[in-house]
Protein backbone atom coordinates (compact mmCIF):
# COMPACT_ATOMS: atom_id res chain seq x y z
CA MET A 1 -12.61 38.06 2.31
CA LYS A 2 -16.53 38.35 1.84
CA LYS A 3 -17.32 40.68 4.50
CA LEU A 4 -20.69 41.60 3.13
CA THR A 5 -21.88 37.95 3.26
CA ILE A 6 -22.17 37.99 7.01
CA ILE A 7 -25.35 39.49 8.43
CA SER A 8 -25.98 39.54 12.21
CA CYS A 9 -29.31 37.95 13.43
CA ILE A 10 -30.42 41.38 14.84
CA ALA A 11 -29.89 43.06 11.79
CA LEU A 12 -32.15 40.51 10.07
CA ALA A 13 -34.89 40.50 12.54
CA VAL A 14 -35.11 43.96 13.04
CA LEU A 15 -35.68 44.53 9.16
CA GLY A 16 -38.33 42.11 9.27
CA MET A 17 -36.81 39.33 7.18
CA SER A 18 -36.08 36.50 9.44
CA SER A 19 -35.11 35.67 13.18
CA CYS A 20 -32.42 33.84 14.87
CA THR A 21 -34.16 33.12 18.21
CA GLU A 22 -37.61 33.30 19.63
CA ASN A 23 -36.70 35.51 22.45
CA PHE A 24 -33.61 37.81 21.58
CA LEU A 25 -35.71 40.73 21.56
CA THR A 26 -37.99 40.74 24.44
CA VAL A 27 -38.99 44.20 25.23
CA GLU A 28 -40.30 45.58 21.75
CA SER A 29 -40.99 43.93 18.32
CA ALA A 30 -39.11 44.47 15.44
CA SER A 31 -41.97 46.25 13.78
CA LYS A 32 -42.26 48.78 16.68
CA LEU A 33 -38.52 49.23 16.60
CA LEU A 34 -38.47 49.77 12.75
CA ALA A 35 -41.38 52.17 13.01
CA ASP A 36 -39.65 54.67 15.62
CA GLY A 37 -36.33 54.07 14.98
CA THR A 38 -35.10 53.70 18.48
CA TYR A 39 -32.91 50.62 17.53
CA TYR A 40 -30.86 52.64 15.11
CA ASN A 41 -29.04 54.90 17.48
CA SER A 42 -25.46 53.69 17.29
CA LYS A 43 -22.69 53.12 14.80
CA THR A 44 -23.13 49.28 15.45
CA HIS A 45 -26.60 49.21 14.69
CA LEU A 46 -26.48 51.65 11.60
CA THR A 47 -23.57 49.16 10.36
CA GLU A 48 -25.73 46.20 10.70
CA ALA A 49 -28.46 48.04 8.61
CA LEU A 50 -25.97 49.13 6.04
CA VAL A 51 -24.55 45.39 5.77
CA ALA A 52 -28.22 44.24 5.60
CA SER A 53 -28.90 46.38 2.68
CA TYR A 54 -26.29 44.46 0.48
CA ASP A 55 -28.12 41.07 1.29
CA PRO A 56 -30.69 41.18 -1.33
CA LEU A 57 -27.80 41.26 -4.20
CA LYS A 58 -27.40 37.57 -3.56
CA TRP A 59 -31.15 36.65 -3.69
CA TYR A 60 -31.48 37.40 -7.53
CA ASP A 61 -30.26 33.84 -8.50
CA TYR A 62 -32.82 32.00 -6.35
CA PHE A 63 -35.72 33.45 -4.15
CA TYR A 64 -38.29 30.88 -4.89
CA SER A 65 -37.58 31.24 -8.65
CA TYR A 66 -34.54 31.30 -10.68
CA GLU A 67 -33.84 34.99 -11.95
CA SER A 68 -30.12 35.46 -12.06
CA LEU A 69 -29.72 38.90 -13.30
CA PRO A 70 -26.98 37.96 -15.84
CA PHE A 71 -29.02 34.84 -16.95
CA VAL A 72 -32.20 36.61 -17.40
CA SER A 73 -30.63 39.54 -19.40
CA ASP A 74 -28.85 37.39 -21.69
CA LEU A 75 -31.78 35.33 -22.35
CA MET A 76 -33.26 38.27 -24.21
CA SER A 77 -30.17 38.58 -26.40
CA GLU A 78 -29.12 36.11 -29.10
CA ASP A 79 -26.12 34.27 -27.18
CA VAL A 80 -28.17 31.70 -24.68
CA MET A 81 -31.42 29.89 -24.55
CA ALA A 82 -33.42 28.89 -21.39
CA GLY A 83 -32.73 25.08 -21.84
CA GLY A 84 -33.65 22.94 -18.76
CA GLY A 85 -36.21 20.17 -19.10
CA GLY A 86 -38.17 21.79 -21.62
CA VAL A 87 -40.68 24.83 -22.21
CA THR A 88 -42.78 24.04 -19.02
CA ASP A 89 -39.53 23.96 -16.77
CA CYS A 90 -39.59 27.46 -15.52
CA LEU A 91 -42.18 28.59 -18.04
CA TYR A 92 -41.18 32.37 -17.19
CA LEU A 93 -37.65 32.12 -18.60
CA HIS A 94 -38.67 30.56 -21.54
CA ASN A 95 -41.37 33.22 -22.03
CA ILE A 96 -38.99 36.00 -21.68
CA ALA A 97 -36.70 34.43 -23.93
CA ASN A 98 -39.09 34.25 -26.55
CA PHE A 99 -40.45 37.98 -25.87
CA SER A 100 -43.61 36.36 -24.97
CA ALA A 101 -43.65 37.33 -21.24
CA LEU A 102 -46.76 37.30 -19.50
CA PRO A 103 -47.79 39.47 -16.17
CA THR A 104 -48.62 36.17 -14.63
CA SER A 105 -45.42 34.52 -15.99
CA VAL A 106 -42.51 37.03 -15.64
CA CYS A 107 -39.55 37.57 -13.21
CA ASN A 108 -41.90 38.81 -10.32
CA GLN A 109 -39.25 38.32 -7.87
CA SER A 110 -36.84 40.43 -9.13
CA TRP A 111 -39.18 43.22 -8.66
CA THR A 112 -39.50 42.17 -4.97
CA ILE A 113 -35.85 41.46 -4.13
CA SER A 114 -35.02 45.05 -5.85
CA TYR A 115 -37.84 46.89 -3.83
CA SER A 116 -36.43 45.04 -0.57
CA GLY A 117 -32.90 46.55 -1.28
CA VAL A 118 -34.53 49.90 -1.76
CA ASN A 119 -36.28 49.39 1.61
CA ARG A 120 -33.21 48.57 3.39
CA CYS A 121 -31.33 51.63 1.94
CA ASN A 122 -33.67 53.92 2.72
CA ILE A 123 -33.71 52.79 6.46
CA VAL A 124 -30.09 53.71 6.52
CA LEU A 125 -30.89 56.98 5.28
CA GLN A 126 -33.67 57.69 7.31
CA TYR A 127 -31.75 56.89 10.75
CA ILE A 128 -28.01 57.71 10.03
CA ASN A 129 -28.36 61.00 12.11
CA ASN A 130 -29.69 59.01 14.96
CA ALA A 131 -26.12 57.54 15.78
CA THR A 132 -24.40 59.89 18.09
CA ASP A 133 -21.27 57.95 18.39
CA MET A 134 -20.45 58.55 14.36
CA THR A 135 -18.30 61.04 12.81
CA ASP A 136 -19.85 63.36 10.30
CA ALA A 137 -17.21 61.77 7.92
CA GLU A 138 -18.46 58.42 8.56
CA LYS A 139 -22.17 59.27 8.13
CA LYS A 140 -21.21 60.74 4.85
CA GLU A 141 -19.62 57.45 3.75
CA TYR A 142 -22.70 55.57 4.70
CA ILE A 143 -25.04 57.62 3.24
CA ALA A 144 -23.17 57.60 -0.16
CA GLU A 145 -22.99 53.73 0.11
CA ALA A 146 -26.58 53.44 0.71
CA THR A 147 -27.65 55.79 -1.73
CA VAL A 148 -25.69 54.25 -4.68
CA LEU A 149 -26.82 50.94 -3.58
CA ARG A 150 -30.42 52.15 -3.75
CA GLU A 151 -29.86 53.55 -7.22
CA TRP A 152 -28.40 50.24 -8.17
CA TYR A 153 -31.87 48.35 -7.10
CA TYR A 154 -33.67 51.18 -8.90
CA THR A 155 -31.56 50.53 -12.19
CA ILE A 156 -32.66 46.94 -12.22
CA LEU A 157 -36.19 48.05 -11.73
CA TRP A 158 -35.77 50.71 -14.70
CA LYS A 159 -33.98 48.36 -16.99
CA TYR A 160 -36.63 45.60 -16.81
CA TRP A 161 -39.93 47.58 -16.25
CA GLY A 162 -39.10 51.36 -16.97
CA ASN A 163 -42.15 52.69 -15.32
CA VAL A 164 -42.08 52.05 -11.89
CA PRO A 165 -42.65 53.46 -8.60
CA TYR A 166 -39.69 55.52 -7.31
CA TYR A 167 -39.28 56.87 -3.59
CA GLU A 168 -36.77 58.26 -1.21
CA THR A 169 -38.36 57.60 2.04
CA ASN A 170 -40.16 54.12 2.88
CA LEU A 171 -43.86 54.03 2.49
CA SER A 172 -46.36 53.69 4.99
CA SER A 173 -49.48 51.74 5.08
CA PRO A 174 -51.26 51.06 2.40
CA TYR A 175 -47.74 51.14 1.02
CA ILE A 176 -49.00 52.83 -2.51
CA CYS A 177 -46.74 54.94 -4.43
CA GLU A 178 -47.27 56.87 -7.93
CA GLN A 179 -45.92 55.30 -10.76
CA SER A 180 -43.14 57.22 -12.49
CA GLY A 181 -42.40 56.95 -16.16
CA HIS A 182 -39.16 55.53 -17.50
CA ASP A 183 -37.46 58.90 -18.18
CA ALA A 184 -38.43 60.30 -14.85
CA VAL A 185 -36.95 57.16 -12.97
CA TYR A 186 -33.72 57.67 -15.08
CA GLU A 187 -33.41 61.21 -14.21
CA LYS A 188 -33.67 60.48 -10.50
CA ILE A 189 -31.30 57.62 -10.65
CA ALA A 190 -28.60 59.91 -12.68
CA SER A 191 -28.98 63.03 -10.85
CA THR A 192 -28.61 61.35 -7.56
CA LEU A 193 -25.64 59.66 -8.65
CA GLU A 194 -24.15 62.87 -9.91
CA GLY A 195 -24.52 64.16 -6.29
CA ILE A 196 -22.81 61.46 -4.58
CA ILE A 197 -19.77 60.98 -6.98
CA ASN A 198 -19.35 64.67 -6.94
CA SER A 199 -19.40 64.71 -3.00
CA ASN A 200 -16.14 62.25 -3.28
CA SER A 201 -17.46 60.59 -0.08
CA LEU A 202 -16.54 57.04 -1.35
CA PRO A 203 -12.85 55.30 -1.81
CA MET A 204 -11.92 54.70 -5.35
CA LYS A 205 -11.22 51.17 -4.40
CA SER A 206 -12.30 49.34 -1.12
CA ALA A 207 -9.42 48.35 1.43
CA SER A 208 -8.52 44.73 1.66
CA GLY A 209 -11.01 42.92 3.65
CA ASN A 210 -13.97 45.42 2.79
CA GLU A 211 -14.48 43.92 -0.77
CA GLY A 212 -17.99 44.17 -1.80
CA HIS A 213 -18.88 47.87 -0.57
CA VAL A 214 -19.81 50.34 -2.79
CA THR A 215 -16.95 52.31 -4.11
CA GLN A 216 -16.28 55.71 -6.26
CA ALA A 217 -15.37 53.33 -9.04
CA MET A 218 -18.51 51.27 -8.57
CA ALA A 219 -20.67 54.35 -8.62
CA GLU A 220 -19.22 55.65 -11.75
CA MET A 221 -19.45 52.65 -13.63
CA LEU A 222 -23.23 52.55 -12.63
CA TYR A 223 -23.68 56.13 -13.75
CA ALA A 224 -22.02 55.32 -17.21
CA ASP A 225 -24.40 52.37 -17.42
CA VAL A 226 -27.60 54.10 -17.05
CA VAL A 227 -26.52 57.06 -19.09
CA MET A 228 -25.28 55.20 -21.97
CA TYR A 229 -28.27 52.89 -21.88
CA GLN A 230 -30.54 56.22 -21.74
CA SER A 231 -28.31 57.37 -24.73
CA ASP A 232 -28.27 60.64 -22.91
CA LYS A 233 -26.01 62.83 -25.05
CA ASN A 234 -26.24 65.71 -22.64
CA ARG A 235 -24.43 63.49 -19.92
CA TYR A 236 -21.86 61.72 -22.14
CA ALA A 237 -19.12 63.93 -21.18
CA THR A 238 -19.72 63.59 -17.41
CA ALA A 239 -19.64 59.92 -17.86
CA LEU A 240 -16.32 60.13 -19.90
CA LYS A 241 -14.85 62.07 -16.87
CA TYR A 242 -15.91 59.39 -14.53
CA MET A 243 -14.29 56.69 -16.76
CA LYS A 244 -10.96 58.52 -16.91
CA ASP A 245 -11.37 59.15 -13.08
CA ILE A 246 -11.00 55.31 -12.77
CA ILE A 247 -8.45 54.96 -15.54
CA GLY A 248 -6.37 57.79 -13.79
CA SER A 249 -6.66 56.47 -10.42
CA GLY A 250 -4.25 53.74 -11.24
CA LYS A 251 -6.27 51.42 -8.68
CA TYR A 252 -7.62 49.05 -11.54
CA ASP A 253 -5.93 47.31 -14.47
CA LEU A 254 -6.58 44.32 -16.45
CA VAL A 255 -5.80 41.02 -15.54
CA ALA A 256 -3.09 39.25 -17.55
CA ASP A 257 -5.00 35.86 -17.78
CA PHE A 258 -8.55 36.54 -18.86
CA ALA A 259 -9.49 32.85 -17.82
CA SER A 260 -8.17 33.21 -14.26
CA MET A 261 -10.70 35.70 -13.59
CA TRP A 262 -13.44 33.05 -13.60
CA GLU A 263 -11.92 30.86 -10.73
CA SER A 264 -12.61 31.45 -6.94
CA THR A 265 -8.95 32.69 -6.75
CA GLY A 266 -9.62 35.43 -9.39
CA GLU A 267 -12.38 36.99 -7.25
CA TRP A 268 -11.67 40.81 -6.54
CA GLY A 269 -8.48 40.91 -8.59
CA LYS A 270 -7.12 44.10 -9.68
CA GLU A 271 -9.56 44.14 -12.99
CA SER A 272 -12.76 43.78 -10.58
CA ILE A 273 -14.70 46.88 -9.62
CA PHE A 274 -17.87 45.24 -8.23
CA GLU A 275 -18.85 41.71 -7.72
CA ILE A 276 -22.00 40.35 -5.81
CA ASN A 277 -20.41 38.07 -3.09
CA TYR A 278 -20.87 34.42 -2.45
CA THR A 279 -19.35 32.09 -0.19
CA SER A 280 -19.41 28.18 0.13
CA THR A 281 -17.75 27.98 3.28
CA SER A 282 -20.17 27.68 6.23
CA GLY A 283 -22.65 28.36 3.55
CA SER A 284 -26.22 27.83 5.08
CA ARG A 285 -28.65 28.58 2.20
CA SER A 286 -31.10 26.05 1.41
CA TRP A 287 -34.14 25.50 -0.21
CA GLY A 288 -36.20 26.37 2.86
CA SER A 289 -33.98 29.41 3.60
CA PRO A 290 -32.87 30.97 0.31
CA ILE A 291 -32.15 34.24 1.98
CA ALA A 292 -29.48 32.65 4.43
CA THR A 293 -25.73 33.42 4.24
CA GLY A 294 -23.90 31.26 1.74
CA GLY A 295 -23.24 30.58 -1.94
CA SER A 296 -25.20 30.58 -5.18
CA VAL A 297 -27.28 28.07 -6.83
CA TYR A 298 -26.85 29.56 -10.57
CA PRO A 299 -23.55 27.39 -11.25
CA LYS A 300 -25.70 24.31 -10.57
CA LEU A 301 -28.68 25.56 -12.51
CA ILE A 302 -26.32 25.97 -15.64
CA GLY A 303 -24.31 22.99 -15.14
CA ILE A 304 -23.98 20.23 -17.56
CA ASN A 305 -26.64 17.58 -17.19
CA SER A 306 -25.54 14.30 -16.04
CA LEU A 307 -21.91 15.27 -16.50
CA SER A 308 -19.40 12.20 -15.89
CA GLY A 309 -15.55 11.86 -16.23
CA SER A 310 -14.85 15.57 -15.90
CA PRO A 311 -11.89 16.81 -13.73
CA ASP A 312 -13.05 20.00 -13.64
CA TYR A 313 -16.79 20.70 -13.20
CA ASN A 314 -19.69 19.18 -11.37
CA GLY A 315 -22.71 18.64 -13.26
CA GLY A 316 -26.08 20.43 -13.14
CA TRP A 317 -29.48 21.01 -14.75
CA GLY A 318 -28.77 22.26 -18.18
CA PHE A 319 -30.27 25.63 -18.14
CA GLU A 320 -28.58 28.31 -20.07
CA PRO A 321 -27.16 26.44 -23.24
CA VAL A 322 -25.16 28.91 -25.24
CA SER A 323 -25.67 29.24 -28.94
CA ALA A 324 -23.24 27.98 -31.39
CA LYS A 325 -22.86 31.55 -32.65
CA ALA A 326 -21.54 32.77 -29.40
CA TYR A 327 -18.73 30.51 -29.72
CA THR A 328 -18.01 30.56 -33.51
CA MET A 329 -18.13 34.57 -33.60
CA PHE A 330 -14.56 34.35 -31.88
CA ASP A 331 -11.37 34.47 -33.70
CA ALA A 332 -9.83 30.93 -33.14
CA ALA A 333 -6.83 32.77 -31.46
CA ASP A 334 -8.99 34.80 -29.07
CA LYS A 335 -8.15 33.72 -25.76
CA ARG A 336 -11.56 34.64 -24.47
CA ARG A 337 -13.16 31.87 -26.75
CA ASP A 338 -12.71 28.85 -24.68
CA ALA A 339 -12.37 30.76 -21.39
CA SER A 340 -15.88 31.69 -21.84
CA VAL A 341 -17.64 29.26 -23.51
CA LEU A 342 -17.15 25.26 -23.11
CA ASN A 343 -17.20 23.33 -26.44
CA PHE A 344 -17.96 20.04 -25.13
CA THR A 345 -16.74 18.30 -28.27
CA SER A 346 -13.48 19.34 -27.81
CA TYR A 347 -13.65 18.98 -24.08
CA ALA A 348 -14.62 15.32 -24.30
CA ALA A 349 -12.00 14.70 -26.72
CA SER A 350 -9.40 15.96 -24.29
CA THR A 351 -10.77 14.43 -20.98
CA GLY A 352 -13.28 11.67 -21.86
CA ALA A 353 -16.26 13.26 -20.07
CA SER A 354 -19.59 12.63 -21.40
CA TYR A 355 -23.28 14.18 -20.50
CA SER A 356 -26.85 13.73 -21.39
CA PRO A 357 -28.33 16.60 -23.60
CA ARG A 358 -31.29 18.50 -22.45
CA TYR A 359 -33.83 20.86 -24.19
CA GLU A 360 -32.19 23.30 -26.73
CA ASP A 361 -28.93 21.69 -25.87
CA THR A 362 -26.07 23.21 -28.51
CA GLY A 363 -23.05 21.48 -26.87
CA TYR A 364 -21.87 24.82 -25.70
CA PHE A 365 -21.92 25.78 -22.00
CA LEU A 366 -21.18 29.07 -20.09
CA ARG A 367 -17.70 28.19 -18.82
CA LYS A 368 -17.73 31.38 -16.63
CA TYR A 369 -19.95 30.22 -14.12
CA LEU A 370 -19.87 26.52 -14.46
CA PRO A 371 -19.95 24.53 -10.96
CA ARG A 372 -16.31 23.89 -10.16
CA VAL A 373 -15.23 20.88 -8.58
CA ASN A 374 -15.11 21.42 -4.77
CA GLY A 375 -16.79 24.88 -5.51
CA ASN A 376 -19.40 24.37 -2.61
CA LYS A 377 -16.62 23.07 -0.12
CA GLY A 378 -17.51 23.77 3.30
CA TYR A 379 -21.23 24.22 2.86
CA THR A 380 -23.64 23.80 5.78
CA GLY A 381 -27.09 24.05 4.07
CA ASP A 382 -27.98 22.53 0.82
CA ALA A 383 -25.09 21.43 -1.49
CA ASP A 384 -26.68 22.85 -4.66
CA MET A 385 -27.36 26.22 -3.09
CA ASN A 386 -23.91 26.94 -2.01
CA TYR A 387 -21.45 27.40 -4.99
CA ASN A 388 -18.54 29.74 -4.43
CA ASN A 389 -18.88 31.95 -7.80
CA ASN A 390 -19.06 35.88 -7.40
CA VAL A 391 -20.99 37.48 -9.92
CA ARG A 392 -18.60 39.91 -11.68
CA TRP A 393 -20.77 42.93 -12.38
CA TYR A 394 -18.40 45.61 -13.35
CA ARG A 395 -14.99 44.93 -14.61
CA TYR A 396 -12.26 47.30 -15.68
CA ALA A 397 -12.33 46.06 -19.21
CA GLU A 398 -15.77 47.75 -19.26
CA THR A 399 -14.29 51.04 -18.13
CA LEU A 400 -11.96 51.05 -20.97
CA LEU A 401 -14.64 50.10 -23.79
CA ASN A 402 -17.00 52.73 -22.02
CA ALA A 403 -14.30 55.28 -22.21
CA ALA A 404 -13.38 54.32 -25.90
CA GLU A 405 -17.20 54.74 -26.85
CA LEU A 406 -17.80 58.01 -24.96
CA LEU A 407 -14.81 59.68 -26.51
CA LEU A 408 -15.94 58.62 -30.03
CA GLN A 409 -19.52 59.94 -29.08
CA THR A 410 -18.32 63.38 -27.83
CA GLY A 411 -15.81 64.06 -30.45
CA GLY A 412 -12.74 63.29 -28.34
CA SER A 413 -9.35 61.90 -29.09
CA THR A 414 -9.72 58.97 -31.62
CA SER A 415 -6.14 57.94 -30.88
CA GLU A 416 -7.00 57.88 -27.13
CA ALA A 417 -10.24 55.79 -28.03
CA GLN A 418 -7.97 53.39 -29.99
CA GLY A 419 -5.53 52.84 -27.17
CA TYR A 420 -8.36 51.93 -24.77
CA LEU A 421 -9.82 49.37 -27.38
CA ASP A 422 -6.54 48.04 -28.40
CA LYS A 423 -5.69 47.33 -24.71
CA VAL A 424 -8.70 44.86 -24.45
CA ARG A 425 -7.63 43.36 -27.68
CA THR A 426 -4.30 42.80 -26.79
CA ARG A 427 -5.17 40.95 -23.59
CA ALA A 428 -7.17 38.77 -25.71
CA GLY A 429 -4.27 38.08 -27.94
CA LEU A 430 -5.71 40.00 -31.04
CA PRO A 431 -4.30 42.60 -33.20
CA SER A 432 -5.78 46.05 -33.65
CA VAL A 433 -8.87 47.06 -35.35
CA THR A 434 -9.87 50.68 -36.28
CA VAL A 435 -11.86 52.00 -33.49
CA SER A 436 -15.39 52.70 -34.29
CA ILE A 437 -18.76 52.41 -32.44
CA ASP A 438 -19.59 49.07 -34.25
CA ASN A 439 -16.20 47.69 -33.44
CA ILE A 440 -16.46 48.54 -29.99
CA LEU A 441 -20.16 46.97 -29.59
CA ASP A 442 -18.35 43.70 -31.09
CA GLU A 443 -15.69 43.73 -28.50
CA ARG A 444 -18.18 44.19 -25.91
CA HIS A 445 -20.05 41.26 -27.17
CA LYS A 446 -17.00 39.09 -27.02
CA GLU A 447 -15.61 40.22 -23.87
CA PHE A 448 -18.53 39.96 -21.81
CA VAL A 449 -20.55 36.84 -23.12
CA GLY A 450 -22.57 35.59 -20.26
CA GLU A 451 -22.31 38.55 -18.29
CA GLY A 452 -25.69 40.15 -18.83
CA LYS A 453 -24.34 43.04 -21.15
CA ARG A 454 -25.28 41.85 -24.59
CA TYR A 455 -28.89 42.67 -24.71
CA TRP A 456 -29.03 46.40 -23.18
CA ASP A 457 -26.31 46.96 -25.70
CA LEU A 458 -28.42 46.05 -28.59
CA VAL A 459 -31.35 47.98 -27.32
CA ARG A 460 -29.46 51.13 -26.52
CA SER A 461 -27.67 50.93 -29.79
CA GLY A 462 -30.67 50.66 -31.86
CA LYS A 463 -29.60 47.31 -33.18
CA ALA A 464 -32.18 44.90 -31.17
CA ALA A 465 -35.10 44.87 -33.70
CA SER A 466 -32.53 43.82 -36.45
CA VAL A 467 -30.72 41.39 -34.49
CA LEU A 468 -33.14 39.77 -32.13
CA THR A 469 -35.49 38.57 -34.69
CA ALA A 470 -37.54 35.13 -34.83
CA GLY A 471 -35.22 32.62 -35.66
CA SER A 472 -32.25 34.34 -33.87
CA THR A 473 -31.83 31.52 -31.28
CA LEU A 474 -32.96 28.03 -32.04
CA THR A 475 -36.45 28.20 -30.62
CA ARG A 476 -37.34 31.80 -30.66
CA THR A 477 -40.53 32.42 -32.61
CA VAL A 478 -41.04 36.13 -31.79
CA GLY A 479 -38.93 39.12 -32.58
CA TRP A 480 -38.12 42.09 -30.58
CA ASN A 481 -39.83 45.38 -31.39
CA THR A 482 -40.16 48.60 -29.15
CA ASN A 483 -42.85 47.28 -27.00
CA LYS A 484 -40.44 44.52 -25.90
CA LYS A 485 -38.18 47.05 -24.22
CA TYR A 486 -40.05 46.60 -20.82
CA LEU A 487 -41.44 43.58 -19.25
CA PRO A 488 -45.05 43.26 -18.30
CA ILE A 489 -45.15 44.37 -14.53
CA PRO A 490 -46.25 41.42 -12.26
CA GLN A 491 -49.90 40.99 -12.09
CA THR A 492 -49.68 40.61 -8.36
CA GLU A 493 -48.11 44.26 -8.07
CA ILE A 494 -51.04 45.62 -10.45
CA ASP A 495 -53.42 43.99 -8.33
CA ALA A 496 -51.91 45.25 -5.11
CA ALA A 497 -51.43 48.93 -6.35
CA GLN A 498 -54.96 49.95 -6.23
CA GLY A 499 -55.17 51.46 -9.83
CA THR A 500 -51.86 53.46 -9.34
CA LEU A 501 -49.80 51.07 -11.63
CA LYS A 502 -50.48 51.19 -15.33
CA GLN A 503 -49.31 47.90 -17.08
CA ASN A 504 -46.75 48.29 -19.82
CA SER A 505 -47.41 47.64 -23.48
CA TYR A 506 -45.57 44.53 -24.30
């Protein structure tokens, strides 16, 4: 059940994003209600606000530009390219892939979406004590959910742009906030997460029917994510403790069949710690209403151009072709290879399917998120916008690999780290290899192809400059250097900030 995809008409209107009727509020405007908080005086209304704070998670794939988080992250790795119709087809994606992003051609909507999420989370936190019909325990859980989710949105901003405004109370006119440095933003995220995690206000795993809510395990994975990216050795022991909390809970485990995770029946399986929910059933997203409830356009975006004769997949627009190296790096016996990447030559031989290549074509496609036949079944909006492919954000396999790496980083048990690595490799059908930081990073590369992990791993491990060179993809002409760690801040934000935002050196 994808509970968080359903947002009431009132919640959206009160939060100022859209309305369902002309006259459902006849006494006071939404902005007045938002300003004085009189609407948020009951559990029902705070629940609406909390659910609405999750909604921006679904907008990254398309909010008037295509900025799927795994796609944009992997564009900066060596695994995929932008593709599509050519370099002018979504130029900002090609620029990011070539480390040539411009303030006027960058993922500006991801900035807007992330701060929309921050705003909504802060609304919950600001008004939670107005609800007189909620128990202290309920308030504590709502506060924990909204806080962790807010830090998730800040993590996207921090990883992309580093030096961003960070605030815990929503801004008032003229909506200006001092820019924080990347280290200061990190410290706020990490310390805030520590407080919530240590309060034990969240369940380790959501109850059936509540999938999609923030959990203790999700918060702990987010913490390890930011701490490891920051290479904050002072917090490695705490991150390791949190990974062992998840492992020791017994609530999660690896799915036996790796390929099954990427089908709709594999959503929210025992390996899943956090997913971004999409649903095709009654999916009303459309080109004119991209924030409506429904599915995702990302599968269509990366689908195979002019595909014919496939019993498994619908066609698409040919973005995100996978590099040949990302396929051939796998051992032939690795069960993840053909579950992750579609080798069209082999596929055509077995099915008779055909397609028309587009720009940067390699003949390899990201099988994990290709649009399945009937994958948009039951839509009511636009067919292309409503594929039922959840984005798998944190999986138990990452918990195990995090734990293995953190054990080595903290001088912990090598045999325990070996066991965690072996468990992931055994599921893939592979023999043991000696546990080491490099072998763990290599395992992450193969385990998480197309899931937006690789680029961040290269940066945090210090390998980005040597791996992401000019020529590391078919058309990359610019290599990575430390100035490329943070994208240019969108020029529209610089212009609106009245001199309070300093542009990143890129």
